[in-house]
Amino acid sequence: MCALSGTGRLVDVGDTQLHVVERGEGSPLLVLHGGPGLDHHEFADYLDPLADRHRLVLVDQRGQGLSPACDPATLTLRQMAADVPALARALELPRYAVLGHSFGAFVTLQWAVEFTDEPGPAIVSSGLPSSRYLERIGQNLQTFEPVELRERVAASWAREQEVRTAEDVAALLHDQMPYHFADPLDPRIADFERRSDGSVYSPEVLRHFSRAGYGDIDVEDRLGGVRRPVLVLAGRHDRTCVLEGALAIAAGVPSAKLVVFEHSAHMAYVEEQERYLDAVRTFLEEAQ
């Protein structure tokens, strides 16, 4: 059962509802945002060119964006991965692809591992197969330049565990964003913030996951069982979801394809938009 909600709609997935916004027509592509605590506005209009051939289903994952609050006990990577086929069934999609970025990539990879019988390819954008790679965040911060931004970025991560309001989330994301671009002074950071305006932030979800190791990512030893085509997208200079993690995914999944963006950090769909879109298009066409 679906109900209109703003410019999108709420879709019943069993124990909760997910807010989705759809753009375009063609083969379905479920798009999972990062965060946690963000919503589909993270992608702004950067992926919209794909809508000429694909039905983009931009999802506010459980408890986030305009999706209603849910039982905190269900805020796990496994449950969010289970939401993917539940949403596909509710939308009556016999076949679909999934693209997840950052935290959404953790969910996508969990889905690929857990639901091997579900049809369709997976796109893991700036993702990791294990929480152990997150240790590199602190190491990379120690050498992050310009120095005047280093303390600001470090403080933004510390605030995640105590964040209380949507305004708190917006402020820490603003402070953190230079760390996610290859060039911390990239003028496109301001453009990204302008284009993604309208986000409905969920401080309780960010607080929950930041206190719980961002979902306790742990699928590295199960990648060999993935039988679907998987595209791994990674920025050469990603300081958060480091390239080593992407290499491990590509090495572990039998049918994986790896694309490294040489001039990007964590935000390749912004930093190298055209090449990012080309990689996604080509992969989806080959995976049909």
Protein backbone atom coordinates (compact mmCIF):
# COMPACT_ATOMS: atom_id res chain seq x y z
CA MET A 1 0.00 0.00 0.00
CA CYS A 2 1.42 3.40 -1.02
CA ALA A 3 0.43 6.91 0.05
CA LEU A 4 1.47 10.21 -1.47
CA SER A 5 3.92 12.19 0.68
CA GLY A 6 5.10 15.54 -0.61
CA THR A 7 6.75 15.11 -3.99
CA GLY A 8 7.26 11.42 -3.27
CA ARG A 9 5.33 8.68 -1.53
CA LEU A 10 5.45 6.42 1.46
CA VAL A 11 5.75 2.72 0.71
CA ASP A 12 4.81 0.04 3.25
CA VAL A 13 7.64 -2.47 3.74
CA GLY A 14 6.15 -4.39 6.65
CA ASP A 15 7.13 -3.00 10.03
CA THR A 16 7.59 0.54 8.72
CA GLN A 17 7.30 2.76 5.66
CA LEU A 18 9.97 4.15 3.38
CA HIS A 19 9.69 7.48 1.61
CA VAL A 20 10.74 7.30 -2.04
CA VAL A 21 11.07 9.84 -4.82
CA GLU A 22 10.99 8.53 -8.39
CA ARG A 23 12.46 10.07 -11.51
CA GLY A 24 12.54 8.77 -15.07
CA GLU A 25 11.44 5.55 -16.73
CA GLY A 26 13.11 2.30 -17.69
CA SER A 27 14.89 -0.38 -15.71
CA PRO A 28 14.59 0.34 -11.96
CA LEU A 29 17.59 1.54 -9.96
CA LEU A 30 17.10 1.78 -6.19
CA VAL A 31 19.37 4.51 -4.83
CA LEU A 32 20.47 4.43 -1.18
CA HIS A 33 21.90 7.57 0.42
CA GLY A 34 24.83 7.87 2.78
CA GLY A 35 25.02 9.20 6.28
CA PRO A 36 23.66 7.75 8.39
CA GLY A 37 21.07 10.38 9.18
CA LEU A 38 20.83 11.90 5.70
CA ASP A 39 18.20 11.45 3.00
CA HIS A 40 17.88 11.28 -0.79
CA HIS A 41 18.75 14.98 -1.16
CA GLU A 42 22.38 13.93 -0.81
CA PHE A 43 22.31 13.05 -4.50
CA ALA A 44 20.67 16.36 -5.47
CA ASP A 45 20.39 16.28 -9.28
CA TYR A 46 23.77 14.67 -9.92
CA LEU A 47 22.31 11.29 -10.91
CA ASP A 48 19.35 12.71 -12.85
CA PRO A 49 20.95 12.16 -16.29
CA LEU A 50 20.52 8.41 -15.65
CA ALA A 51 16.75 8.93 -15.68
CA ASP A 52 16.73 8.93 -19.49
CA ARG A 53 17.07 5.12 -19.37
CA HIS A 54 16.37 4.19 -15.78
CA ARG A 55 13.60 4.57 -13.23
CA LEU A 56 15.49 6.14 -10.36
CA VAL A 57 13.94 5.25 -7.00
CA LEU A 58 15.63 7.50 -4.45
CA VAL A 59 15.01 6.03 -1.01
CA ASP A 60 14.95 7.69 2.39
CA GLN A 61 16.17 4.69 4.36
CA ARG A 62 14.31 3.59 7.48
CA GLY A 63 13.91 6.26 10.11
CA GLN A 64 15.52 8.90 7.92
CA GLY A 65 14.36 11.81 5.78
CA LEU A 66 10.60 11.67 5.35
CA SER A 67 10.45 8.01 6.29
CA PRO A 68 8.70 7.77 9.68
CA ALA A 69 10.56 7.11 12.91
CA CYS A 70 11.03 3.40 13.63
CA ASP A 71 11.98 1.12 16.47
CA PRO A 72 15.67 1.89 17.19
CA ALA A 73 16.29 -1.84 17.58
CA THR A 74 15.68 -2.19 13.82
CA LEU A 75 18.39 0.31 12.91
CA THR A 76 20.90 -2.24 11.68
CA LEU A 77 22.64 -2.90 8.40
CA ARG A 78 20.93 -6.28 8.14
CA GLN A 79 17.46 -4.80 8.56
CA MET A 80 18.17 -2.01 6.11
CA ALA A 81 19.44 -4.61 3.64
CA ALA A 82 16.20 -6.56 4.15
CA ASP A 83 14.27 -3.37 3.39
CA VAL A 84 15.61 -3.47 -0.18
CA PRO A 85 13.77 -6.60 -1.41
CA ALA A 86 10.76 -5.62 0.72
CA LEU A 87 10.61 -2.29 -1.09
CA ALA A 88 11.08 -3.97 -4.47
CA ARG A 89 8.16 -6.30 -3.77
CA ALA A 90 5.97 -3.40 -2.62
CA LEU A 91 6.79 -1.56 -5.86
CA GLU A 92 6.17 -4.77 -7.85
CA LEU A 93 9.67 -4.82 -9.33
CA PRO A 94 10.57 -8.31 -10.61
CA ARG A 95 14.11 -7.14 -11.35
CA TYR A 96 16.05 -4.13 -10.14
CA ALA A 97 19.54 -2.79 -9.52
CA VAL A 98 20.79 -1.14 -6.34
CA LEU A 99 23.22 1.77 -6.02
CA GLY A 100 24.39 2.74 -2.55
CA HIS A 101 26.82 5.49 -1.65
CA SER A 102 28.91 5.62 1.54
CA PHE A 103 26.65 4.31 4.36
CA GLY A 104 24.23 3.32 1.58
CA ALA A 105 27.08 1.29 0.08
CA PHE A 106 27.39 -0.62 3.37
CA VAL A 107 23.70 -1.46 3.09
CA THR A 108 24.02 -2.38 -0.58
CA LEU A 109 26.93 -4.72 0.07
CA GLN A 110 25.03 -6.31 2.97
CA TRP A 111 22.08 -6.85 0.60
CA ALA A 112 24.34 -8.40 -2.03
CA VAL A 113 25.74 -10.82 0.54
CA GLU A 114 22.51 -11.67 2.38
CA PHE A 115 20.05 -11.88 -0.51
CA THR A 116 21.87 -13.91 -3.12
CA ASP A 117 18.63 -15.04 -4.78
CA GLU A 118 17.45 -11.50 -5.48
CA PRO A 119 17.88 -10.56 -9.14
CA GLY A 120 19.88 -7.63 -10.38
CA PRO A 121 23.29 -6.02 -10.03
CA ALA A 122 24.77 -3.93 -7.22
CA ILE A 123 26.77 -0.70 -7.33
CA VAL A 124 28.93 -0.06 -4.28
CA SER A 125 29.99 3.60 -4.32
CA SER A 126 32.58 4.64 -1.72
CA GLY A 127 31.95 1.59 0.43
CA LEU A 128 33.80 -0.79 2.74
CA PRO A 129 33.54 -4.53 3.52
CA SER A 130 34.64 -4.24 7.16
CA SER A 131 34.64 -1.71 9.99
CA ARG A 132 38.38 -2.18 10.38
CA TYR A 133 38.98 0.13 7.43
CA LEU A 134 37.31 2.98 9.32
CA GLU A 135 40.41 3.13 11.52
CA ARG A 136 42.06 4.96 8.63
CA ILE A 137 39.87 8.01 9.21
CA GLY A 138 41.81 9.02 12.30
CA GLN A 139 45.13 8.21 10.67
CA ASN A 140 44.32 10.31 7.62
CA LEU A 141 43.16 13.18 9.81
CA GLN A 142 46.62 13.43 11.33
CA THR A 143 48.07 14.48 7.97
CA PHE A 144 45.01 16.29 6.59
CA GLU A 145 45.72 19.75 5.16
CA PRO A 146 45.17 22.62 5.30
CA VAL A 147 46.02 22.42 8.99
CA GLU A 148 43.44 25.06 9.93
CA LEU A 149 40.67 22.70 8.79
CA ARG A 150 42.04 19.64 10.59
CA GLU A 151 40.68 20.47 14.04
CA ARG A 152 37.31 21.49 12.60
CA VAL A 153 36.92 18.18 10.79
CA ALA A 154 38.06 16.15 13.80
CA ALA A 155 35.57 17.96 16.04
CA SER A 156 32.76 17.27 13.57
CA TRP A 157 33.27 13.51 13.93
CA ALA A 158 33.33 13.75 17.71
CA ARG A 159 30.01 15.63 17.68
CA GLU A 160 28.23 12.83 15.81
CA GLN A 161 27.78 10.81 19.00
CA GLU A 162 26.02 13.68 20.79
CA VAL A 163 24.09 15.31 17.95
CA ARG A 164 20.56 16.35 18.98
CA THR A 165 18.94 18.47 16.27
CA ALA A 166 18.75 18.64 12.49
CA GLU A 167 20.64 21.92 12.71
CA ASP A 168 23.42 20.12 14.59
CA VAL A 169 23.69 17.58 11.76
CA ALA A 170 23.79 20.31 9.10
CA ALA A 171 26.54 22.14 10.97
CA LEU A 172 28.78 19.12 11.46
CA LEU A 173 28.33 18.05 7.83
CA HIS A 174 29.38 21.52 6.71
CA ASP A 175 32.48 21.28 8.89
CA GLN A 176 33.25 17.76 7.66
CA MET A 177 32.67 18.23 3.94
CA PRO A 178 36.18 19.46 3.00
CA TYR A 179 37.52 16.10 4.20
CA HIS A 180 35.35 14.33 1.65
CA PHE A 181 36.71 16.14 -1.41
CA ALA A 182 40.14 15.52 -2.91
CA ASP A 183 40.68 19.27 -2.81
CA PRO A 184 39.46 20.48 0.60
CA LEU A 185 39.08 23.97 -0.87
CA ASP A 186 37.17 22.79 -3.94
CA PRO A 187 34.62 25.48 -4.93
CA ARG A 188 32.19 22.68 -5.81
CA ILE A 189 31.70 22.02 -2.09
CA ALA A 190 29.57 25.16 -1.82
CA ASP A 191 27.74 24.20 -5.01
CA PHE A 192 27.03 20.73 -3.62
CA GLU A 193 25.63 22.20 -0.42
CA ARG A 194 23.41 24.52 -2.42
CA ARG A 195 22.15 21.78 -4.74
CA SER A 196 21.45 19.34 -1.90
CA ASP A 197 19.53 21.90 0.14
CA GLY A 198 16.23 20.59 1.49
CA SER A 199 17.63 17.57 3.30
CA VAL A 200 15.64 16.31 6.28
CA TYR A 201 18.32 15.24 8.73
CA SER A 202 17.77 12.56 11.39
CA PRO A 203 20.03 13.24 14.39
CA GLU A 204 18.78 10.24 16.35
CA VAL A 205 19.80 7.87 13.55
CA LEU A 206 23.25 9.45 13.18
CA ARG A 207 23.72 9.34 16.95
CA HIS A 208 22.64 5.69 17.08
CA PHE A 209 25.03 4.48 14.38
CA SER A 210 27.99 6.64 15.37
CA ARG A 211 27.84 5.03 18.81
CA ALA A 212 27.59 1.56 17.27
CA GLY A 213 30.52 1.52 14.86
CA TYR A 214 28.38 2.66 11.93
CA GLY A 215 26.61 -0.67 11.78
CA ASP A 216 29.49 -3.01 12.57
CA ILE A 217 30.33 -3.65 8.91
CA ASP A 218 31.49 -7.25 8.63
CA VAL A 219 31.03 -9.02 5.29
CA GLU A 220 34.60 -9.26 4.01
CA ASP A 221 34.82 -13.02 4.53
CA ARG A 222 31.48 -13.58 2.74
CA LEU A 223 32.18 -11.74 -0.49
CA GLY A 224 33.02 -14.94 -2.35
CA GLY A 225 29.40 -16.02 -2.12
CA VAL A 226 28.10 -13.02 -4.07
CA ARG A 227 26.91 -14.20 -7.48
CA ARG A 228 25.50 -10.99 -8.90
CA PRO A 229 27.46 -8.45 -10.98
CA VAL A 230 28.96 -5.80 -8.69
CA LEU A 231 30.42 -2.46 -9.69
CA VAL A 232 32.82 -0.98 -7.13
CA LEU A 233 33.34 2.78 -7.42
CA ALA A 234 36.14 4.40 -5.44
CA GLY A 235 37.98 7.70 -5.21
CA ARG A 236 41.75 7.44 -5.24
CA HIS A 237 41.98 10.04 -2.47
CA ASP A 238 39.06 8.92 -0.30
CA ARG A 239 40.09 9.54 3.32
CA THR A 240 36.92 7.99 4.79
CA CYS A 241 36.11 4.84 2.82
CA VAL A 242 39.68 4.25 1.75
CA LEU A 243 40.71 2.70 -1.53
CA GLU A 244 42.05 -0.41 0.24
CA GLY A 245 38.48 -1.27 1.20
CA ALA A 246 37.29 -0.98 -2.38
CA LEU A 247 40.18 -3.16 -3.56
CA ALA A 248 39.19 -5.80 -1.01
CA ILE A 249 35.59 -5.81 -2.28
CA ALA A 250 36.72 -6.07 -5.89
CA ALA A 251 39.11 -8.90 -5.04
CA GLY A 252 36.54 -10.77 -2.96
CA VAL A 253 33.48 -10.66 -5.20
CA PRO A 254 33.92 -13.09 -8.14
CA SER A 255 32.11 -10.91 -10.70
CA ALA A 256 33.19 -7.49 -9.48
CA LYS A 257 34.34 -4.62 -11.66
CA LEU A 258 36.39 -1.81 -10.12
CA VAL A 259 36.50 1.79 -11.31
CA VAL A 260 38.87 4.17 -9.52
CA PHE A 261 38.38 7.91 -9.91
CA GLU A 262 41.84 9.40 -9.95
CA HIS A 263 40.81 12.96 -9.09
CA SER A 264 38.21 12.21 -6.42
CA ALA A 265 37.94 11.49 -2.74
CA HIS A 266 34.61 10.41 -1.19
CA MET A 267 32.34 12.34 -3.55
CA ALA A 268 33.15 11.02 -7.02
CA TYR A 269 29.60 11.56 -8.28
CA VAL A 270 30.24 15.27 -7.71
CA GLU A 271 33.99 15.50 -8.33
CA GLU A 272 33.98 13.47 -11.58
CA GLN A 273 30.30 13.42 -12.42
CA GLU A 274 30.53 12.58 -16.12
CA ARG A 275 32.91 9.68 -15.67
CA TYR A 276 30.85 8.43 -12.72
CA LEU A 277 27.65 8.46 -14.79
CA ASP A 278 29.41 6.78 -17.71
CA ALA A 279 30.67 4.00 -15.44
CA VAL A 280 27.20 3.40 -14.00
CA ARG A 281 25.53 3.48 -17.44
CA THR A 282 28.00 1.05 -18.98
CA PHE A 283 27.78 -1.36 -16.07
CA LEU A 284 23.98 -1.40 -16.02
CA GLU A 285 23.81 -1.95 -19.76
CA GLU A 286 26.25 -4.87 -19.54
CA ALA A 287 24.43 -6.35 -16.55
CA GLN A 288 21.00 -6.45 -18.23
